[in-house]
Amino acid sequence: MEQELHPFAKFIQILARGKTKTRAFTVEESQEAMAMILRGEAKPEQIGAFLMLLRLKEETPEEIAGFTMGTRDTFDLPANIPAVDVDWSSYAGKRRQLPWFILSALLLAQNGFKVFMHGTGGHTPGRIYTRETLQQLGFPIARCFDQAVDHLAASNFAYVPLEVLSPKLRELIEMRPTFGLRSPVHSFARMLNPFNAPVMMQGIFHRGFMDIHAGAGLLLDQPVTTVFRGEGGEIERRPNKPTVAWTAANGEITNEEWPALLPNGHAAADEEMDIQNLIAIWRGEQSSEYAEASITGTLAIALKSMGQAETGEAAQAMAQNMWVNRDRSGLPVAA
């Protein structure tokens, strides 16, 4: 007697029909597949096959958008969501340079812009992740969406771990050592934007994902999505190299090259990776040309994406002014 196929099997079949018959998912298929996974309607072996077949094929903008939609459908959001200016994802971690982008985001918050940051950590050994960094800086970690609302009201900044957004996605990201490879979860988790910020910043490591993330932003009807190849894969401008930023807005994708802020070349790795140096730089107790260029350069891209400046030069000048005039006691760390 022929056994009835499992409902999720149709998605495996689409991906595993061979070179000539395999195809990408539509947005609707991707949304349905991810919703089934998150509802617990797919078996573990199916999920593993699904993720690795996608990894082999490489994701499309339609798939990333659909997976994002399927995940968003599971959110239990509070009724009093505040207006957030920027969604800032952080999933890669840093291993060569400190996460200077955190100070860029905090500068935005200090200047009255609301920044919603989300991410995860610990899935790749030898990296410093945003959560532990924020904890050392004295910032609270939101344990639920309601706490995130409170943190935004208190400081214009909130950080929410992935396990709060979606425990199942956190579980899937933690399978990286099992697979030995990243999975599509690493790509679309960055685009979840649960509080519906009009500007969504995206940092990637591999150049080939620029058009995928920008295209997914258009499919999601995201007002502004800015994507660039950031240091370590985070949303952090490498000041010693030109940066090409892709922006999806108004139904089209454009790109802009931001010049190197320091002499073009290779930046030596930070051998210490001491989070306390972030505090010292913020307070003016230490100085670093690389750090300050990274902070202001990253902030400039965010400001232009937000429509706060019409040109890159104006955005950079605005960012440098914010840095010079920052409240140096603004980090809630103990003296």
Protein backbone atom coordinates (compact mmCIF):
# COMPACT_ATOMS: atom_id res chain seq x y z
CA MET A 1 0.00 0.00 0.00
CA GLU A 2 1.41 3.37 -1.02
CA GLN A 3 2.04 5.69 1.89
CA GLU A 4 0.60 9.17 1.88
CA LEU A 5 3.20 11.89 1.49
CA HIS A 6 3.91 14.14 4.43
CA PRO A 7 2.45 17.65 3.78
CA PHE A 8 5.91 19.22 3.92
CA ALA A 9 7.36 16.74 1.42
CA LYS A 10 6.19 18.84 -1.53
CA PHE A 11 8.76 21.50 -0.65
CA ILE A 12 11.60 18.95 -0.56
CA GLN A 13 10.45 17.64 -3.94
CA ILE A 14 10.63 21.10 -5.51
CA LEU A 15 14.24 21.48 -4.37
CA ALA A 16 15.48 17.96 -5.11
CA ARG A 17 14.18 17.09 -8.58
CA GLY A 18 17.58 17.35 -10.24
CA LYS A 19 19.39 19.98 -12.24
CA THR A 20 16.72 20.41 -14.91
CA LYS A 21 13.57 20.25 -12.77
CA THR A 22 14.60 21.93 -9.52
CA ARG A 23 13.26 25.47 -9.26
CA ALA A 24 13.07 28.32 -6.77
CA PHE A 25 10.05 28.80 -4.54
CA THR A 26 7.54 31.53 -5.14
CA VAL A 27 6.96 34.08 -2.40
CA GLU A 28 3.76 32.27 -1.43
CA GLU A 29 5.42 28.84 -1.30
CA SER A 30 8.27 30.21 0.80
CA GLN A 31 5.84 31.83 3.20
CA GLU A 32 3.86 28.60 3.57
CA ALA A 33 6.96 26.46 4.06
CA MET A 34 8.41 28.68 6.77
CA ALA A 35 5.07 28.95 8.54
CA MET A 36 4.86 25.12 8.64
CA ILE A 37 8.38 24.88 10.09
CA LEU A 38 7.66 27.45 12.78
CA ARG A 39 4.36 25.80 13.69
CA GLY A 40 6.18 22.50 14.22
CA GLU A 41 4.55 20.82 11.22
CA ALA A 42 7.80 19.66 9.58
CA LYS A 43 9.97 16.79 10.79
CA PRO A 44 13.58 17.50 11.86
CA GLU A 45 15.02 15.51 8.97
CA GLN A 46 12.82 17.44 6.55
CA ILE A 47 14.01 20.76 7.96
CA GLY A 48 17.65 19.73 7.64
CA ALA A 49 17.17 18.62 4.04
CA PHE A 50 15.17 21.75 3.23
CA LEU A 51 17.78 24.15 4.59
CA MET A 52 20.78 22.46 3.01
CA LEU A 53 19.09 22.04 -0.39
CA LEU A 54 18.33 25.75 -0.29
CA ARG A 55 21.94 26.43 0.68
CA LEU A 56 23.15 24.40 -2.30
CA LYS A 57 20.76 26.14 -4.70
CA GLU A 58 21.25 29.59 -3.09
CA GLU A 59 18.29 31.69 -2.03
CA THR A 60 16.37 34.07 -4.27
CA PRO A 61 14.81 37.41 -3.29
CA GLU A 62 11.37 35.75 -3.51
CA GLU A 63 12.41 33.05 -1.06
CA ILE A 64 13.97 35.46 1.42
CA ALA A 65 10.87 37.66 1.28
CA GLY A 66 8.52 34.70 1.71
CA PHE A 67 10.48 33.25 4.64
CA THR A 68 10.40 36.68 6.27
CA MET A 69 6.65 36.97 5.78
CA GLY A 70 6.07 33.48 7.16
CA THR A 71 8.05 34.36 10.28
CA ARG A 72 6.36 37.71 10.75
CA ASP A 73 3.01 35.91 10.71
CA THR A 74 4.01 34.20 13.96
CA PHE A 75 4.80 37.39 15.90
CA ASP A 76 2.58 38.25 18.84
CA LEU A 77 3.20 41.99 18.87
CA PRO A 78 1.97 44.42 21.53
CA ALA A 79 -0.73 46.91 20.63
CA ASN A 80 1.38 49.93 21.57
CA ILE A 81 4.27 49.58 19.10
CA PRO A 82 6.11 52.89 18.93
CA ALA A 83 7.23 54.53 15.71
CA VAL A 84 10.76 53.22 15.11
CA ASP A 85 13.14 54.98 12.73
CA VAL A 86 15.67 52.24 11.96
CA ASP A 87 15.70 48.45 12.11
CA TRP A 88 19.32 47.39 12.71
CA SER A 89 20.07 43.67 12.58
CA SER A 90 23.21 42.07 14.03
CA TYR A 91 23.77 38.37 13.38
CA ALA A 92 27.36 37.94 12.19
CA GLY A 93 29.53 38.82 15.18
CA LYS A 94 33.01 40.36 14.99
CA ARG A 95 36.40 38.65 15.09
CA ARG A 96 38.88 41.13 13.53
CA GLN A 97 37.60 44.50 14.75
CA LEU A 98 35.47 45.59 17.68
CA PRO A 99 31.77 46.23 16.93
CA TRP A 100 32.14 49.96 16.35
CA PHE A 101 28.74 50.01 14.64
CA ILE A 102 27.12 49.74 18.06
CA LEU A 103 28.37 53.23 18.85
CA SER A 104 26.96 54.43 15.50
CA ALA A 105 23.54 53.11 16.48
CA LEU A 106 23.79 54.60 19.96
CA LEU A 107 24.69 57.98 18.45
CA LEU A 108 21.48 57.84 16.45
CA ALA A 109 19.54 57.08 19.62
CA GLN A 110 21.26 59.88 21.52
CA ASN A 111 20.16 62.29 18.80
CA GLY A 112 16.50 61.38 19.12
CA PHE A 113 16.12 58.58 16.55
CA LYS A 114 14.59 55.29 17.69
CA VAL A 115 16.71 52.25 16.84
CA PHE A 116 15.41 48.69 17.09
CA MET A 117 18.30 46.20 17.08
CA HIS A 118 17.90 42.44 16.97
CA GLY A 119 20.30 39.56 16.58
CA THR A 120 21.81 36.44 17.99
CA GLY A 121 25.18 35.14 19.06
CA GLY A 122 27.27 32.17 19.96
CA HIS A 123 26.69 30.19 16.77
CA THR A 124 30.29 30.76 15.52
CA PRO A 125 33.20 30.35 17.96
CA GLY A 126 35.80 33.08 18.29
CA ARG A 127 33.51 36.03 17.65
CA ILE A 128 32.28 38.89 19.81
CA TYR A 129 28.53 39.35 19.54
CA THR A 130 26.35 42.39 20.04
CA ARG A 131 24.38 41.03 22.96
CA GLU A 132 27.41 40.50 25.21
CA THR A 133 28.83 43.83 24.11
CA LEU A 134 25.66 45.72 25.02
CA GLN A 135 25.53 43.96 28.37
CA GLN A 136 29.08 45.11 29.15
CA LEU A 137 28.11 48.62 28.10
CA GLY A 138 25.25 48.48 30.60
CA PHE A 139 22.30 48.25 28.21
CA PRO A 140 19.39 45.97 29.12
CA ILE A 141 18.40 43.10 26.84
CA ALA A 142 14.67 42.92 26.12
CA ARG A 143 13.12 39.61 27.16
CA CYS A 144 9.85 40.31 25.38
CA PHE A 145 8.34 42.80 22.96
CA ASP A 146 6.77 44.80 25.79
CA GLN A 147 10.19 45.33 27.35
CA ALA A 148 11.50 46.48 23.98
CA VAL A 149 8.75 49.11 23.89
CA ASP A 150 9.80 50.28 27.36
CA HIS A 151 13.49 50.44 26.40
CA LEU A 152 12.72 52.48 23.30
CA ALA A 153 10.72 54.92 25.41
CA ALA A 154 13.54 55.21 27.94
CA SER A 155 16.56 55.54 25.65
CA ASN A 156 15.42 55.42 21.99
CA PHE A 157 17.22 52.06 21.74
CA ALA A 158 16.21 48.43 22.19
CA TYR A 159 17.97 45.14 21.59
CA VAL A 160 15.88 41.99 21.21
CA PRO A 161 17.49 38.53 20.91
CA LEU A 162 16.31 36.20 18.16
CA GLU A 163 14.91 33.75 20.70
CA VAL A 164 12.38 36.42 21.66
CA LEU A 165 11.43 37.06 18.03
CA SER A 166 11.32 33.35 17.17
CA PRO A 167 12.63 30.56 19.43
CA LYS A 168 12.48 28.12 16.51
CA LEU A 169 14.69 30.29 14.30
CA ARG A 170 17.19 30.58 17.12
CA GLU A 171 17.20 26.78 17.32
CA LEU A 172 17.82 26.52 13.58
CA ILE A 173 20.68 29.03 13.61
CA GLU A 174 22.32 27.00 16.39
CA MET A 175 22.46 24.05 13.98
CA ARG A 176 25.31 25.67 12.05
CA PRO A 177 27.98 23.48 13.75
CA THR A 178 25.87 20.45 12.82
CA PHE A 179 25.62 21.43 9.16
CA GLY A 180 29.07 22.99 8.96
CA LEU A 181 27.48 25.73 6.88
CA ARG A 182 25.26 28.76 7.30
CA SER A 183 21.63 28.27 6.38
CA PRO A 184 19.06 30.64 4.83
CA VAL A 185 17.98 31.53 8.36
CA HIS A 186 21.11 33.66 8.66
CA SER A 187 19.92 35.69 5.66
CA PHE A 188 16.25 36.29 6.30
CA ALA A 189 16.45 36.71 10.09
CA ARG A 190 18.15 40.03 9.33
CA MET A 191 15.03 41.23 7.54
CA LEU A 192 12.39 40.48 10.19
CA ASN A 193 11.91 44.16 11.18
CA PRO A 194 9.18 43.33 13.71
CA PHE A 195 8.36 46.95 14.62
CA ASN A 196 8.02 47.93 10.96
CA ALA A 197 10.73 50.61 10.85
CA PRO A 198 10.71 52.51 7.53
CA VAL A 199 14.49 52.13 7.16
CA MET A 200 16.04 48.67 7.32
CA MET A 201 19.84 48.45 7.41
CA GLN A 202 21.51 45.27 6.17
CA GLY A 203 25.13 44.22 6.53
CA ILE A 204 26.39 41.22 4.57
CA PHE A 205 29.70 39.45 4.11
CA HIS A 206 29.36 37.89 0.65
CA ARG A 207 28.97 40.26 -2.29
CA GLY A 208 26.51 37.93 -4.01
CA PHE A 209 23.82 38.69 -1.45
CA MET A 210 23.60 42.42 -2.19
CA ASP A 211 20.97 42.06 -4.89
CA ILE A 212 19.16 39.29 -3.01
CA HIS A 213 18.59 41.42 0.09
CA ALA A 214 17.77 44.53 -1.90
CA GLY A 215 15.34 42.58 -4.06
CA ALA A 216 13.69 41.04 -1.03
CA GLY A 217 13.27 44.54 0.41
CA LEU A 218 11.27 45.54 -2.66
CA LEU A 219 9.11 42.43 -2.46
CA LEU A 220 8.41 43.16 1.22
CA ASP A 221 7.28 46.70 0.32
CA GLN A 222 9.93 47.98 2.70
CA PRO A 223 10.17 51.79 2.19
CA VAL A 224 13.98 51.81 2.38
CA THR A 225 16.42 48.89 2.51
CA THR A 226 20.13 49.69 2.47
CA VAL A 227 22.59 46.84 2.01
CA PHE A 228 26.37 46.92 1.99
CA ARG A 229 29.29 44.59 2.55
CA GLY A 230 30.18 45.40 6.12
CA GLU A 231 33.20 44.53 8.24
CA GLY A 232 32.77 40.93 9.35
CA GLY A 233 29.29 40.86 7.80
CA GLU A 234 27.86 43.39 10.24
CA ILE A 235 26.36 46.80 9.43
CA GLU A 236 29.72 48.50 9.76
CA ARG A 237 31.54 50.50 7.11
CA ARG A 238 35.17 49.56 6.53
CA PRO A 239 36.80 52.99 6.57
CA ASN A 240 39.95 51.92 4.75
CA LYS A 241 38.07 50.69 1.67
CA PRO A 242 35.38 52.12 -0.63
CA THR A 243 31.91 50.89 0.27
CA VAL A 244 29.20 50.23 -2.29
CA ALA A 245 25.75 50.55 -0.73
CA TRP A 246 22.68 49.21 -2.52
CA THR A 247 19.40 50.91 -1.68
CA ALA A 248 15.95 49.55 -2.52
CA ALA A 249 13.36 52.32 -2.36
CA ASN A 250 10.49 53.68 -4.44
CA GLY A 251 10.25 50.47 -6.43
CA GLU A 252 13.83 50.47 -7.68
CA ILE A 253 17.33 49.48 -6.64
CA THR A 254 20.20 51.94 -6.86
CA ASN A 255 23.78 51.81 -5.65
CA GLU A 256 26.25 54.39 -4.45
CA GLU A 257 29.97 54.17 -3.81
CA TRP A 258 31.13 55.74 -0.56
CA PRO A 259 34.85 56.58 -0.64
CA ALA A 260 37.43 55.25 1.76
CA LEU A 261 37.81 57.55 4.77
CA LEU A 262 41.34 56.38 5.52
CA PRO A 263 44.20 55.44 3.20
CA ASN A 264 42.96 52.55 1.12
CA GLY A 265 44.45 49.28 2.22
CA HIS A 266 44.34 46.40 4.66
CA ALA A 267 43.41 47.11 8.28
CA ALA A 268 45.35 45.13 10.85
CA ALA A 269 43.26 42.89 13.06
CA ASP A 270 42.66 43.97 16.63
CA GLU A 271 44.60 41.46 18.69
CA GLU A 272 42.96 42.43 22.00
CA MET A 273 39.27 42.74 21.05
CA ASP A 274 38.66 44.35 24.45
CA ILE A 275 35.09 45.63 24.72
CA GLN A 276 36.24 48.16 27.31
CA ASN A 277 37.96 50.02 24.48
CA LEU A 278 34.53 50.91 23.10
CA ILE A 279 33.83 52.73 26.34
CA ALA A 280 37.21 54.46 26.35
CA ILE A 281 36.75 55.69 22.77
CA TRP A 282 33.23 56.94 23.50
CA ARG A 283 34.42 58.82 26.60
CA GLY A 284 37.42 60.30 24.81
CA GLU A 285 39.88 58.51 27.07
CA GLN A 286 41.43 56.87 24.01
CA SER A 287 41.59 57.89 20.38
CA SER A 288 41.63 55.74 17.26
CA GLU A 289 41.48 57.05 13.74
CA TYR A 290 40.13 53.71 12.53
CA ALA A 291 37.42 53.51 15.19
CA GLU A 292 36.19 57.07 14.73
CA ALA A 293 36.12 56.72 10.94
CA SER A 294 34.22 53.45 11.25
CA ILE A 295 31.68 54.96 13.66
CA THR A 296 31.02 58.12 11.68
CA GLY A 297 31.22 56.40 8.29
CA THR A 298 28.63 53.83 9.30
CA LEU A 299 26.43 56.52 10.81
CA ALA A 300 26.65 58.56 7.60
CA ILE A 301 25.19 55.72 5.52
CA ALA A 302 22.36 55.36 8.04
CA LEU A 303 21.63 59.09 8.03
CA LYS A 304 21.45 59.25 4.23
CA SER A 305 19.23 56.16 4.17
CA MET A 306 16.92 57.91 6.63
CA GLY A 307 16.68 60.98 4.40
CA GLN A 308 18.52 63.18 6.89
CA ALA A 309 21.05 64.27 4.25
CA GLU A 310 20.86 64.54 0.49
CA THR A 311 24.48 63.69 -0.28
CA GLY A 312 27.12 61.42 1.12
CA GLU A 313 29.31 64.41 1.95
CA ALA A 314 26.52 66.07 3.91
CA ALA A 315 25.75 62.83 5.72
CA GLN A 316 29.40 62.38 6.68
CA ALA A 317 29.59 65.96 7.98
CA MET A 318 26.42 65.41 10.02
CA ALA A 319 27.79 62.16 11.44
CA GLN A 320 31.08 63.78 12.44
CA ASN A 321 29.19 66.63 14.12
CA MET A 322 27.14 64.12 16.12
CA TRP A 323 30.33 62.36 17.18
CA VAL A 324 32.10 65.54 18.26
CA ASN A 325 29.07 66.74 20.23
CA ARG A 326 28.10 63.39 21.77
CA ASP A 327 27.24 63.13 25.43
CA ARG A 328 30.35 61.31 26.60
CA SER A 329 28.59 60.18 29.76
CA GLY A 330 25.77 58.72 27.65
CA LEU A 331 26.74 55.07 28.03
CA PRO A 332 25.06 53.58 31.13
CA VAL A 333 28.21 51.81 32.29
CA ALA A 334 29.54 52.12 35.82
CA ALA A 335 32.35 54.64 36.14
